[in-house]
């Protein structure tokens, strides 16, 4: 079963071995974005790619709905997973501090995939 992690910068990492994938993503986060991620944070970003799609991507967020002109869009199986990816993007790309108020604003812009 292939596991995938997509970074907000456009990089994508794939591996069948969770430990290997965690190491690749951790190194990228540290080297490219000066971020230290825990194993659990990285697991929250993982998708499983297999015939029949074990995970269905149902939540979507368009950053441009919040930050005018930003073309980034995100999708995830859960709101928590989507918030984790969007939070990394907001901090790295827009230089925002992730506050409870910002999380609530972002939460208000999350849609189900069939809403759009």
PDB file of N, CA and C in Angstrom:
ATOM      1  N   UNK A   1       0.844  -1.177   0.000  1.00  0.00           N
ATOM      2  CA  UNK A   1       0.000   0.000   0.000  1.00  0.00           C
ATOM      3  C   UNK A   1       0.892   1.245   0.000  1.00  0.00           C
ATOM      4  N   UNK A   2       0.813   2.025  -1.034  1.00  0.00           N
ATOM      5  CA  UNK A   2       1.620   3.232  -1.167  1.00  0.00           C
ATOM      6  C   UNK A   2       1.023   4.352  -0.310  1.00  0.00           C
ATOM      7  N   UNK A   3       1.861   5.027   0.463  1.00  0.00           N
ATOM      8  CA  UNK A   3       1.437   6.170   1.271  1.00  0.00           C
ATOM      9  C   UNK A   3       2.034   7.429   0.655  1.00  0.00           C
ATOM     10  N   UNK A   4       1.268   8.517   0.727  1.00  0.00           N
ATOM     11  CA  UNK A   4       1.653   9.765   0.071  1.00  0.00           C
ATOM     12  C   UNK A   4       1.535  10.917   1.056  1.00  0.00           C
ATOM     13  N   UNK A   5       2.498  11.848   0.997  1.00  0.00           N
ATOM     14  CA  UNK A   5       2.391  13.128   1.703  1.00  0.00           C
ATOM     15  C   UNK A   5       2.670  14.211   0.684  1.00  0.00           C
ATOM     16  N   UNK A   6       1.754  15.164   0.593  1.00  0.00           N
ATOM     17  CA  UNK A   6       1.910  16.302  -0.318  1.00  0.00           C
ATOM     18  C   UNK A   6       2.205  17.542   0.516  1.00  0.00           C
ATOM     19  N   UNK A   7       3.264  18.241   0.168  1.00  0.00           N
ATOM     20  CA  UNK A   7       3.645  19.460   0.877  1.00  0.00           C
ATOM     21  C   UNK A   7       2.982  20.662   0.209  1.00  0.00           C
ATOM     22  N   UNK A   8       2.736  21.689   0.989  1.00  0.00           N
ATOM     23  CA  UNK A   8       2.121  22.907   0.458  1.00  0.00           C
ATOM     24  C   UNK A   8       3.002  23.595  -0.585  1.00  0.00           C
ATOM     25  N   UNK A   9       4.293  23.273  -0.630  1.00  0.00           N
ATOM     26  CA  UNK A   9       5.187  23.875  -1.622  1.00  0.00           C
ATOM     27  C   UNK A   9       5.122  23.155  -2.958  1.00  0.00           C
ATOM     28  N   UNK A  10       4.380  22.054  -3.015  1.00  0.00           N
ATOM     29  CA  UNK A  10       4.237  21.318  -4.258  1.00  0.00           C
ATOM     30  C   UNK A  10       4.985  19.993  -4.284  1.00  0.00           C
ATOM     31  N   UNK A  11       5.882  19.762  -3.356  1.00  0.00           N
ATOM     32  CA  UNK A  11       6.607  18.493  -3.289  1.00  0.00           C
ATOM     33  C   UNK A  11       5.648  17.391  -2.865  1.00  0.00           C
ATOM     34  N   UNK A  12       5.880  16.186  -3.391  1.00  0.00           N
ATOM     35  CA  UNK A  12       5.090  15.027  -3.013  1.00  0.00           C
ATOM     36  C   UNK A  12       6.036  13.893  -2.693  1.00  0.00           C
ATOM     37  N   UNK A  13       5.771  13.181  -1.608  1.00  0.00           N
ATOM     38  CA  UNK A  13       6.604  12.071  -1.181  1.00  0.00           C
ATOM     39  C   UNK A  13       5.740  10.825  -1.130  1.00  0.00           C
ATOM     40  N   UNK A  14       6.275   9.708  -1.651  1.00  0.00           N
ATOM     41  CA  UNK A  14       5.544   8.451  -1.676  1.00  0.00           C
ATOM     42  C   UNK A  14       6.461   7.331  -1.230  1.00  0.00           C
ATOM     43  N   UNK A  15       5.908   6.404  -0.443  1.00  0.00           N
ATOM     44  CA  UNK A  15       6.656   5.229  -0.035  1.00  0.00           C
ATOM     45  C   UNK A  15       5.689   4.245   0.595  1.00  0.00           C
ATOM     46  N   UNK A  16       5.985   2.960   0.469  1.00  0.00           N
ATOM     47  CA  UNK A  16       5.148   1.951   1.117  1.00  0.00           C
ATOM     48  C   UNK A  16       5.471   1.834   2.601  1.00  0.00           C
ATOM     49  N   UNK A  17       6.690   2.183   2.982  1.00  0.00           N
ATOM     50  CA  UNK A  17       7.119   2.061   4.367  1.00  0.00           C
ATOM     51  C   UNK A  17       6.882   3.367   5.110  1.00  0.00           C
ATOM     52  N   UNK A  18       6.015   3.323   6.125  1.00  0.00           N
ATOM     53  CA  UNK A  18       5.673   4.538   6.864  1.00  0.00           C
ATOM     54  C   UNK A  18       6.898   5.216   7.467  1.00  0.00           C
ATOM     55  N   UNK A  19       7.791   4.439   8.058  1.00  0.00           N
ATOM     56  CA  UNK A  19       8.982   5.005   8.683  1.00  0.00           C
ATOM     57  C   UNK A  19       9.870   5.741   7.695  1.00  0.00           C
ATOM     58  N   UNK A  20      10.026   5.174   6.507  1.00  0.00           N
ATOM     59  CA  UNK A  20      10.819   5.816   5.464  1.00  0.00           C
ATOM     60  C   UNK A  20      10.166   7.121   5.021  1.00  0.00           C
ATOM     61  N   UNK A  21       8.849   7.077   4.824  1.00  0.00           N
ATOM     62  CA  UNK A  21       8.116   8.269   4.402  1.00  0.00           C
ATOM     63  C   UNK A  21       8.212   9.361   5.464  1.00  0.00           C
ATOM     64  N   UNK A  22       8.077   9.000   6.729  1.00  0.00           N
ATOM     65  CA  UNK A  22       8.201   9.988   7.809  1.00  0.00           C
ATOM     66  C   UNK A  22       9.578  10.644   7.775  1.00  0.00           C
ATOM     67  N   UNK A  23      10.621   9.853   7.555  1.00  0.00           N
ATOM     68  CA  UNK A  23      11.977  10.409   7.479  1.00  0.00           C
ATOM     69  C   UNK A  23      12.151  11.369   6.316  1.00  0.00           C
ATOM     70  N   UNK A  24      11.595  11.013   5.160  1.00  0.00           N
ATOM     71  CA  UNK A  24      11.688  11.884   3.985  1.00  0.00           C
ATOM     72  C   UNK A  24      10.966  13.206   4.223  1.00  0.00           C
ATOM     73  N   UNK A  25       9.763  13.126   4.757  1.00  0.00           N
ATOM     74  CA  UNK A  25       8.966  14.335   4.983  1.00  0.00           C
ATOM     75  C   UNK A  25       9.602  15.193   6.071  1.00  0.00           C
ATOM     76  N   UNK A  26      10.086  14.561   7.146  1.00  0.00           N
ATOM     77  CA  UNK A  26      10.724  15.311   8.225  1.00  0.00           C
ATOM     78  C   UNK A  26      11.943  16.069   7.698  1.00  0.00           C
ATOM     79  N   UNK A  27      12.758  15.412   6.878  1.00  0.00           N
ATOM     80  CA  UNK A  27      13.934  16.061   6.314  1.00  0.00           C
ATOM     81  C   UNK A  27      13.562  17.225   5.412  1.00  0.00           C
ATOM     82  N   UNK A  28      12.541  17.045   4.588  1.00  0.00           N
ATOM     83  CA  UNK A  28      12.089  18.127   3.714  1.00  0.00           C
ATOM     84  C   UNK A  28      11.565  19.297   4.530  1.00  0.00           C
ATOM     85  N   UNK A  29      10.727  19.017   5.530  1.00  0.00           N
ATOM     86  CA  UNK A  29      10.153  20.083   6.364  1.00  0.00           C
ATOM     87  C   UNK A  29      11.262  20.888   7.037  1.00  0.00           C
ATOM     88  N   UNK A  30      12.276  20.193   7.537  1.00  0.00           N
ATOM     89  CA  UNK A  30      13.386  20.862   8.218  1.00  0.00           C
ATOM     90  C   UNK A  30      14.250  21.653   7.232  1.00  0.00           C
ATOM     91  N   UNK A  31      14.638  21.012   6.128  1.00  0.00           N
ATOM     92  CA  UNK A  31      15.573  21.637   5.196  1.00  0.00           C
ATOM     93  C   UNK A  31      14.938  22.727   4.336  1.00  0.00           C
ATOM     94  N   UNK A  32      13.718  22.493   3.881  1.00  0.00           N
ATOM     95  CA  UNK A  32      13.090  23.443   2.962  1.00  0.00           C
ATOM     96  C   UNK A  32      12.261  24.506   3.667  1.00  0.00           C
ATOM     97  N   UNK A  33      11.758  24.179   4.865  1.00  0.00           N
ATOM     98  CA  UNK A  33      10.809  25.086   5.511  1.00  0.00           C
ATOM     99  C   UNK A  33      11.170  25.442   6.954  1.00  0.00           C
ATOM    100  N   UNK A  34      12.303  24.947   7.448  1.00  0.00           N
ATOM    101  CA  UNK A  34      12.747  25.202   8.825  1.00  0.00           C
ATOM    102  C   UNK A  34      11.669  24.824   9.837  1.00  0.00           C
ATOM    103  N   UNK A  35      10.987  23.691   9.587  1.00  0.00           N
ATOM    104  CA  UNK A  35       9.944  23.203  10.489  1.00  0.00           C
ATOM    105  C   UNK A  35      10.357  21.869  11.084  1.00  0.00           C
ATOM    106  N   UNK A  36      10.045  21.671  12.326  1.00  0.00           N
ATOM    107  CA  UNK A  36      10.248  20.384  12.980  1.00  0.00           C
ATOM    108  C   UNK A  36       8.877  19.749  13.175  1.00  0.00           C
ATOM    109  N   UNK A  37       8.635  18.625  12.504  1.00  0.00           N
ATOM    110  CA  UNK A  37       7.352  17.941  12.589  1.00  0.00           C
ATOM    111  C   UNK A  37       7.493  16.643  13.368  1.00  0.00           C
ATOM    112  N   UNK A  38       6.503  16.336  14.189  1.00  0.00           N
ATOM    113  CA  UNK A  38       6.491  15.067  14.922  1.00  0.00           C
ATOM    114  C   UNK A  38       5.985  13.955  14.007  1.00  0.00           C
ATOM    115  N   UNK A  39       6.214  12.717  14.417  1.00  0.00           N
ATOM    116  CA  UNK A  39       5.695  11.582  13.657  1.00  0.00           C
ATOM    117  C   UNK A  39       4.183  11.696  13.490  1.00  0.00           C
ATOM    118  N   UNK A  40       3.485  12.066  14.557  1.00  0.00           N
ATOM    119  CA  UNK A  40       2.021  12.166  14.493  1.00  0.00           C
ATOM    120  C   UNK A  40       1.575  13.257  13.537  1.00  0.00           C
ATOM    121  N   UNK A  41       2.270  14.391  13.498  1.00  0.00           N
ATOM    122  CA  UNK A  41       1.918  15.450  12.550  1.00  0.00           C
ATOM    123  C   UNK A  41       2.084  14.960  11.115  1.00  0.00           C
ATOM    124  N   UNK A  42       3.135  14.209  10.867  1.00  0.00           N
ATOM    125  CA  UNK A  42       3.372  13.683   9.526  1.00  0.00           C
ATOM    126  C   UNK A  42       2.331  12.628   9.183  1.00  0.00           C
ATOM    127  N   UNK A  43       2.004  11.755  10.133  1.00  0.00           N
ATOM    128  CA  UNK A  43       0.957  10.748   9.880  1.00  0.00           C
ATOM    129  C   UNK A  43      -0.378  11.408   9.542  1.00  0.00           C
ATOM    130  N   UNK A  44      -0.677  12.546  10.176  1.00  0.00           N
ATOM    131  CA  UNK A  44      -1.921  13.263   9.885  1.00  0.00           C
ATOM    132  C   UNK A  44      -1.978  13.751   8.442  1.00  0.00           C
ATOM    133  N   UNK A  45      -0.815  13.909   7.807  1.00  0.00           N
ATOM    134  CA  UNK A  45      -0.751  14.391   6.434  1.00  0.00           C
ATOM    135  C   UNK A  45      -0.778  13.265   5.403  1.00  0.00           C
ATOM    136  N   UNK A  46      -0.655  12.012   5.861  1.00  0.00           N
ATOM    137  CA  UNK A  46      -0.553  10.873   4.951  1.00  0.00           C
ATOM    138  C   UNK A  46      -1.883  10.522   4.318  1.00  0.00           C
ATOM    139  N   UNK A  47      -1.793  10.120   3.071  1.00  0.00           N
ATOM    140  CA  UNK A  47      -2.910   9.554   2.335  1.00  0.00           C
ATOM    141  C   UNK A  47      -2.494   8.151   1.936  1.00  0.00           C
ATOM    142  N   UNK A  48      -3.447   7.284   1.723  1.00  0.00           N
ATOM    143  CA  UNK A  48      -3.152   5.933   1.262  1.00  0.00           C
ATOM    144  C   UNK A  48      -3.676   5.808  -0.159  1.00  0.00           C
ATOM    145  N   UNK A  49      -2.783   5.435  -1.083  1.00  0.00           N
ATOM    146  CA  UNK A  49      -3.131   5.333  -2.493  1.00  0.00           C
ATOM    147  C   UNK A  49      -3.207   3.857  -2.866  1.00  0.00           C
ATOM    148  N   UNK A  50      -4.390   3.398  -3.183  1.00  0.00           N
ATOM    149  CA  UNK A  50      -4.551   2.014  -3.613  1.00  0.00           C
ATOM    150  C   UNK A  50      -5.811   1.906  -4.447  1.00  0.00           C
ATOM    151  N   UNK A  51      -5.968   0.796  -5.126  1.00  0.00           N
ATOM    152  CA  UNK A  51      -7.174   0.548  -5.917  1.00  0.00           C
ATOM    153  C   UNK A  51      -8.384   0.718  -5.010  1.00  0.00           C
ATOM    154  N   UNK A  52      -9.381   1.430  -5.455  1.00  0.00           N
ATOM    155  CA  UNK A  52     -10.584   1.625  -4.661  1.00  0.00           C
ATOM    156  C   UNK A  52     -10.474   2.760  -3.678  1.00  0.00           C
ATOM    157  N   UNK A  53      -9.310   3.382  -3.545  1.00  0.00           N
ATOM    158  CA  UNK A  53      -9.101   4.539  -2.679  1.00  0.00           C
ATOM    159  C   UNK A  53      -9.612   4.317  -1.259  1.00  0.00           C
ATOM    160  N   UNK A  54      -8.751   3.840  -0.402  1.00  0.00           N
ATOM    161  CA  UNK A  54      -9.107   3.614   0.993  1.00  0.00           C
ATOM    162  C   UNK A  54      -9.565   4.905   1.659  1.00  0.00           C
ATOM    163  N   UNK A  55      -8.961   6.008   1.265  1.00  0.00           N
ATOM    164  CA  UNK A  55      -9.363   7.298   1.836  1.00  0.00           C
ATOM    165  C   UNK A  55      -9.973   8.150   0.745  1.00  0.00           C
ATOM    166  N   UNK A  56     -11.090   8.740   1.049  1.00  0.00           N
ATOM    167  CA  UNK A  56     -11.758   9.619   0.096  1.00  0.00           C
ATOM    168  C   UNK A  56     -11.493  11.058   0.489  1.00  0.00           C
ATOM    169  N   UNK A  57     -11.028  11.847  -0.448  1.00  0.00           N
ATOM    170  CA  UNK A  57     -10.745  13.251  -0.191  1.00  0.00           C
ATOM    171  C   UNK A  57     -12.054  14.021  -0.236  1.00  0.00           C
ATOM    172  N   UNK A  58     -12.564  14.419   0.918  1.00  0.00           N
ATOM    173  CA  UNK A  58     -13.887  15.027   0.956  1.00  0.00           C
ATOM    174  C   UNK A  58     -13.885  16.494   1.379  1.00  0.00           C
ATOM    175  N   UNK A  59     -12.908  16.947   2.095  1.00  0.00           N
ATOM    176  CA  UNK A  59     -12.856  18.341   2.559  1.00  0.00           C
ATOM    177  C   UNK A  59     -11.931  19.133   1.646  1.00  0.00           C
ATOM    178  N   UNK A  60     -12.364  20.346   1.278  1.00  0.00           N
ATOM    179  CA  UNK A  60     -11.527  21.176   0.419  1.00  0.00           C
ATOM    180  C   UNK A  60     -11.448  22.600   0.966  1.00  0.00           C
ATOM    181  N   UNK A  61     -10.341  23.251   0.645  1.00  0.00           N
ATOM    182  CA  UNK A  61     -10.118  24.638   1.054  1.00  0.00           C
ATOM    183  C   UNK A  61      -9.341  25.334  -0.054  1.00  0.00           C
ATOM    184  N   UNK A  62      -9.818  26.472  -0.476  1.00  0.00           N
ATOM    185  CA  UNK A  62      -9.100  27.319  -1.431  1.00  0.00           C
ATOM    186  C   UNK A  62      -8.526  28.489  -0.642  1.00  0.00           C
ATOM    187  N   UNK A  63      -7.216  28.573  -0.569  1.00  0.00           N
ATOM    188  CA  UNK A  63      -6.587  29.637   0.197  1.00  0.00           C
ATOM    189  C   UNK A  63      -7.013  31.011  -0.323  1.00  0.00           C
ATOM    190  N   UNK A  64      -7.225  31.126  -1.619  1.00  0.00           N
ATOM    191  CA  UNK A  64      -7.637  32.388  -2.219  1.00  0.00           C
ATOM    192  C   UNK A  64      -8.961  32.915  -1.685  1.00  0.00           C
ATOM    193  N   UNK A  65      -9.777  32.031  -1.074  1.00  0.00           N
ATOM    194  CA  UNK A  65     -11.017  32.478  -0.438  1.00  0.00           C
ATOM    195  C   UNK A  65     -10.721  33.324   0.801  1.00  0.00           C
ATOM    196  N   UNK A  66      -9.505  33.174   1.338  1.00  0.00           N
ATOM    197  CA  UNK A  66      -9.105  33.895   2.551  1.00  0.00           C
ATOM    198  C   UNK A  66      -8.026  34.933   2.225  1.00  0.00           C
ATOM    199  N   UNK A  67      -7.037  34.522   1.446  1.00  0.00           N
ATOM    200  CA  UNK A  67      -5.910  35.374   1.071  1.00  0.00           C
ATOM    201  C   UNK A  67      -6.031  35.693  -0.419  1.00  0.00           C
ATOM    202  N   UNK A  68      -6.482  36.903  -0.734  1.00  0.00           N
ATOM    203  CA  UNK A  68      -6.698  37.288  -2.134  1.00  0.00           C
ATOM    204  C   UNK A  68      -5.486  36.976  -2.997  1.00  0.00           C
ATOM    205  N   UNK A  69      -5.751  36.313  -4.118  1.00  0.00           N
ATOM    206  CA  UNK A  69      -4.703  36.047  -5.094  1.00  0.00           C
ATOM    207  C   UNK A  69      -3.913  34.771  -4.876  1.00  0.00           C
ATOM    208  N   UNK A  70      -4.096  34.095  -3.759  1.00  0.00           N
ATOM    209  CA  UNK A  70      -3.333  32.863  -3.515  1.00  0.00           C
ATOM    210  C   UNK A  70      -3.996  31.718  -4.288  1.00  0.00           C
ATOM    211  N   UNK A  71      -3.239  31.025  -5.138  1.00  0.00           N
ATOM    212  CA  UNK A  71      -3.816  29.954  -5.946  1.00  0.00           C
ATOM    213  C   UNK A  71      -3.860  28.594  -5.253  1.00  0.00           C
ATOM    214  N   UNK A  72      -3.324  28.480  -4.044  1.00  0.00           N
ATOM    215  CA  UNK A  72      -3.233  27.181  -3.378  1.00  0.00           C
ATOM    216  C   UNK A  72      -4.609  26.644  -3.006  1.00  0.00           C
ATOM    217  N   UNK A  73      -4.801  25.364  -3.258  1.00  0.00           N
ATOM    218  CA  UNK A  73      -6.002  24.665  -2.810  1.00  0.00           C
ATOM    219  C   UNK A  73      -5.564  23.388  -2.113  1.00  0.00           C
ATOM    220  N   UNK A  74      -6.341  22.954  -1.157  1.00  0.00           N
ATOM    221  CA  UNK A  74      -6.002  21.781  -0.369  1.00  0.00           C
ATOM    222  C   UNK A  74      -7.215  20.878  -0.272  1.00  0.00           C
ATOM    223  N   UNK A  75      -6.990  19.579  -0.205  1.00  0.00           N
ATOM    224  CA  UNK A  75      -8.073  18.632   0.033  1.00  0.00           C
ATOM    225  C   UNK A  75      -7.569  17.556   0.970  1.00  0.00           C
ATOM    226  N   UNK A  76      -8.475  17.044   1.792  1.00  0.00           N
ATOM    227  CA  UNK A  76      -8.109  16.023   2.766  1.00  0.00           C
ATOM    228  C   UNK A  76      -9.356  15.257   3.177  1.00  0.00           C
ATOM    229  N   UNK A  77      -9.127  14.111   3.794  1.00  0.00           N
ATOM    230  CA  UNK A  77     -10.230  13.272   4.236  1.00  0.00           C
ATOM    231  C   UNK A  77     -10.899  13.827   5.485  1.00  0.00           C
ATOM    232  N   UNK A  78     -10.159  14.599   6.277  1.00  0.00           N
ATOM    233  CA  UNK A  78     -10.740  15.123   7.518  1.00  0.00           C
ATOM    234  C   UNK A  78     -10.413  16.599   7.677  1.00  0.00           C
ATOM    235  N   UNK A  79     -11.214  17.259   8.480  1.00  0.00           N
ATOM    236  CA  UNK A  79     -10.980  18.674   8.747  1.00  0.00           C
ATOM    237  C   UNK A  79      -9.648  18.885   9.461  1.00  0.00           C
ATOM    238  N   UNK A  80      -9.316  18.028  10.416  1.00  0.00           N
ATOM    239  CA  UNK A  80      -8.053  18.164  11.146  1.00  0.00           C
ATOM    240  C   UNK A  80      -6.854  18.059  10.216  1.00  0.00           C
ATOM    241  N   UNK A  81      -6.909  17.104   9.295  1.00  0.00           N
ATOM    242  CA  UNK A  81      -5.824  16.932   8.334  1.00  0.00           C
ATOM    243  C   UNK A  81      -5.709  18.166   7.435  1.00  0.00           C
ATOM    244  N   UNK A  82      -6.844  18.678   7.004  1.00  0.00           N
ATOM    245  CA  UNK A  82      -6.853  19.862   6.155  1.00  0.00           C
ATOM    246  C   UNK A  82      -6.300  21.073   6.899  1.00  0.00           C
ATOM    247  N   UNK A  83      -6.689  21.231   8.156  1.00  0.00           N
ATOM    248  CA  UNK A  83      -6.183  22.350   8.955  1.00  0.00           C
ATOM    249  C   UNK A  83      -4.674  22.254   9.170  1.00  0.00           C
ATOM    250  N   UNK A  84      -4.150  21.046   9.313  1.00  0.00           N
ATOM    251  CA  UNK A  84      -2.701  20.874   9.493  1.00  0.00           C
ATOM    252  C   UNK A  84      -1.939  21.342   8.249  1.00  0.00           C
ATOM    253  N   UNK A  85      -2.398  20.941   7.075  1.00  0.00           N
ATOM    254  CA  UNK A  85      -1.740  21.327   5.827  1.00  0.00           C
ATOM    255  C   UNK A  85      -1.900  22.829   5.589  1.00  0.00           C
ATOM    256  N   UNK A  86      -3.106  23.331   5.784  1.00  0.00           N
ATOM    257  CA  UNK A  86      -3.353  24.763   5.573  1.00  0.00           C
ATOM    258  C   UNK A  86      -2.553  25.606   6.560  1.00  0.00           C
ATOM    259  N   UNK A  87      -2.398  25.136   7.793  1.00  0.00           N
ATOM    260  CA  UNK A  87      -1.607  25.855   8.788  1.00  0.00           C
ATOM    261  C   UNK A  87      -0.147  25.962   8.386  1.00  0.00           C
ATOM    262  N   UNK A  88       0.413  24.856   7.859  1.00  0.00           N
ATOM    263  CA  UNK A  88       1.797  24.902   7.377  1.00  0.00           C
ATOM    264  C   UNK A  88       1.920  25.910   6.244  1.00  0.00           C
ATOM    265  N   UNK A  89       0.964  25.881   5.330  1.00  0.00           N
ATOM    266  CA  UNK A  89       0.976  26.814   4.197  1.00  0.00           C
ATOM    267  C   UNK A  89       0.873  28.263   4.684  1.00  0.00           C
ATOM    268  N   UNK A  90      -0.055  28.533   5.591  1.00  0.00           N
ATOM    269  CA  UNK A  90      -0.263  29.902   6.090  1.00  0.00           C
ATOM    270  C   UNK A  90       1.001  30.453   6.746  1.00  0.00           C
ATOM    271  N   UNK A  91       1.674  29.611   7.518  1.00  0.00           N
ATOM    272  CA  UNK A  91       2.896  30.049   8.198  1.00  0.00           C
ATOM    273  C   UNK A  91       4.041  30.238   7.212  1.00  0.00           C
ATOM    274  N   UNK A  92       4.238  29.261   6.308  1.00  0.00           N
ATOM    275  CA  UNK A  92       5.373  29.290   5.398  1.00  0.00           C
ATOM    276  C   UNK A  92       5.223  30.328   4.293  1.00  0.00           C
ATOM    277  N   UNK A  93       4.068  30.343   3.659  1.00  0.00           N
ATOM    278  CA  UNK A  93       3.880  31.166   2.468  1.00  0.00           C
ATOM    279  C   UNK A  93       3.426  32.583   2.812  1.00  0.00           C
ATOM    280  N   UNK A  94       2.530  32.697   3.800  1.00  0.00           N
ATOM    281  CA  UNK A  94       1.955  34.005   4.122  1.00  0.00           C
ATOM    282  C   UNK A  94       2.540  34.628   5.390  1.00  0.00           C
ATOM    283  N   UNK A  95       3.394  33.890   6.101  1.00  0.00           N
ATOM    284  CA  UNK A  95       4.023  34.416   7.311  1.00  0.00           C
ATOM    285  C   UNK A  95       3.049  34.677   8.441  1.00  0.00           C
ATOM    286  N   UNK A  96       1.938  33.939   8.462  1.00  0.00           N
ATOM    287  CA  UNK A  96       0.917  34.161   9.489  1.00  0.00           C
ATOM    288  C   UNK A  96       1.198  33.353  10.749  1.00  0.00           C
ATOM    289  N   UNK A  97       0.838  33.918  11.872  1.00  0.00           N
ATOM    290  CA  UNK A  97       0.870  33.193  13.140  1.00  0.00           C
ATOM    291  C   UNK A  97      -0.449  32.443  13.253  1.00  0.00           C
ATOM    292  N   UNK A  98      -0.362  31.165  13.575  1.00  0.00           N
ATOM    293  CA  UNK A  98      -1.572  30.341  13.664  1.00  0.00           C
ATOM    294  C   UNK A  98      -2.194  30.536  15.047  1.00  0.00           C
ATOM    295  N   UNK A  99      -3.307  31.243  15.070  1.00  0.00           N
ATOM    296  CA  UNK A  99      -4.030  31.535  16.311  1.00  0.00           C
ATOM    297  C   UNK A  99      -5.383  30.827  16.276  1.00  0.00           C
ATOM    298  N   UNK A 100      -6.022  30.661  17.428  1.00  0.00           N
ATOM    299  CA  UNK A 100      -7.371  30.067  17.431  1.00  0.00           C
ATOM    300  C   UNK A 100      -8.357  30.855  16.557  1.00  0.00           C
ATOM    301  N   UNK A 101      -8.197  32.177  16.524  1.00  0.00           N
ATOM    302  CA  UNK A 101      -9.086  33.000  15.699  1.00  0.00           C
ATOM    303  C   UNK A 101      -8.886  32.705  14.207  1.00  0.00           C
ATOM    304  N   UNK A 102      -7.621  32.551  13.792  1.00  0.00           N
ATOM    305  CA  UNK A 102      -7.340  32.237  12.399  1.00  0.00           C
ATOM    306  C   UNK A 102      -7.893  30.854  12.042  1.00  0.00           C
ATOM    307  N   UNK A 103      -7.724  29.904  12.938  1.00  0.00           N
ATOM    308  CA  UNK A 103      -8.250  28.558  12.690  1.00  0.00           C
ATOM    309  C   UNK A 103      -9.761  28.609  12.469  1.00  0.00           C
ATOM    310  N   UNK A 104     -10.468  29.402  13.244  1.00  0.00           N
ATOM    311  CA  UNK A 104     -11.918  29.518  13.083  1.00  0.00           C
ATOM    312  C   UNK A 104     -12.286  30.170  11.750  1.00  0.00           C
ATOM    313  N   UNK A 105     -11.526  31.151  11.327  1.00  0.00           N
ATOM    314  CA  UNK A 105     -11.764  31.775  10.016  1.00  0.00           C
ATOM    315  C   UNK A 105     -11.574  30.739   8.912  1.00  0.00           C
ATOM    316  N   UNK A 106     -10.476  29.995   8.989  1.00  0.00           N
ATOM    317  CA  UNK A 106     -10.195  28.974   7.985  1.00  0.00           C
ATOM    318  C   UNK A 106     -11.283  27.904   8.011  1.00  0.00           C
ATOM    319  N   UNK A 107     -11.647  27.461   9.185  1.00  0.00           N
ATOM    320  CA  UNK A 107     -12.688  26.437   9.330  1.00  0.00           C
ATOM    321  C   UNK A 107     -13.975  26.865   8.610  1.00  0.00           C
ATOM    322  N   UNK A 108     -14.285  28.144   8.645  1.00  0.00           N
ATOM    323  CA  UNK A 108     -15.480  28.655   7.988  1.00  0.00           C
ATOM    324  C   UNK A 108     -15.419  28.628   6.467  1.00  0.00           C
ATOM    325  N   UNK A 109     -14.233  28.399   5.906  1.00  0.00           N
ATOM    326  CA  UNK A 109     -14.061  28.349   4.449  1.00  0.00           C
ATOM    327  C   UNK A 109     -13.859  26.928   3.925  1.00  0.00           C
ATOM    328  N   UNK A 110     -13.934  25.937   4.802  1.00  0.00           N
ATOM    329  CA  UNK A 110     -13.799  24.536   4.382  1.00  0.00           C
ATOM    330  C   UNK A 110     -15.146  24.061   3.848  1.00  0.00           C
ATOM    331  N   UNK A 111     -15.089  23.370   2.712  1.00  0.00           N
ATOM    332  CA  UNK A 111     -16.311  22.862   2.064  1.00  0.00           C
ATOM    333  C   UNK A 111     -16.190  21.365   1.852  1.00  0.00           C
ATOM    334  N   UNK A 112     -17.309  20.688   1.756  1.00  0.00           N
ATOM    335  CA  UNK A 112     -17.335  19.303   1.301  1.00  0.00           C
ATOM    336  C   UNK A 112     -17.047  19.320  -0.200  1.00  0.00           C
ATOM    337  N   UNK A 113     -16.447  18.277  -0.707  1.00  0.00           N
ATOM    338  CA  UNK A 113     -16.038  18.260  -2.121  1.00  0.00           C
ATOM    339  C   UNK A 113     -17.207  18.442  -3.082  1.00  0.00           C
ATOM    340  N   UNK A 114     -18.428  18.093  -2.698  1.00  0.00           N
ATOM    341  CA  UNK A 114     -19.559  18.252  -3.608  1.00  0.00           C
ATOM    342  C   UNK A 114     -20.271  19.589  -3.429  1.00  0.00           C
ATOM    343  N   UNK A 115     -19.730  20.475  -2.559  1.00  0.00           N
ATOM    344  CA  UNK A 115     -20.333  21.791  -2.349  1.00  0.00           C
ATOM    345  C   UNK A 115     -19.951  22.781  -3.443  1.00  0.00           C
ATOM    346  N   UNK A 116     -18.876  22.506  -4.180  1.00  0.00           N
ATOM    347  CA  UNK A 116     -18.351  23.467  -5.144  1.00  0.00           C
ATOM    348  C   UNK A 116     -18.693  23.093  -6.556  1.00  0.00           C
TER     349      UNK A 116
END
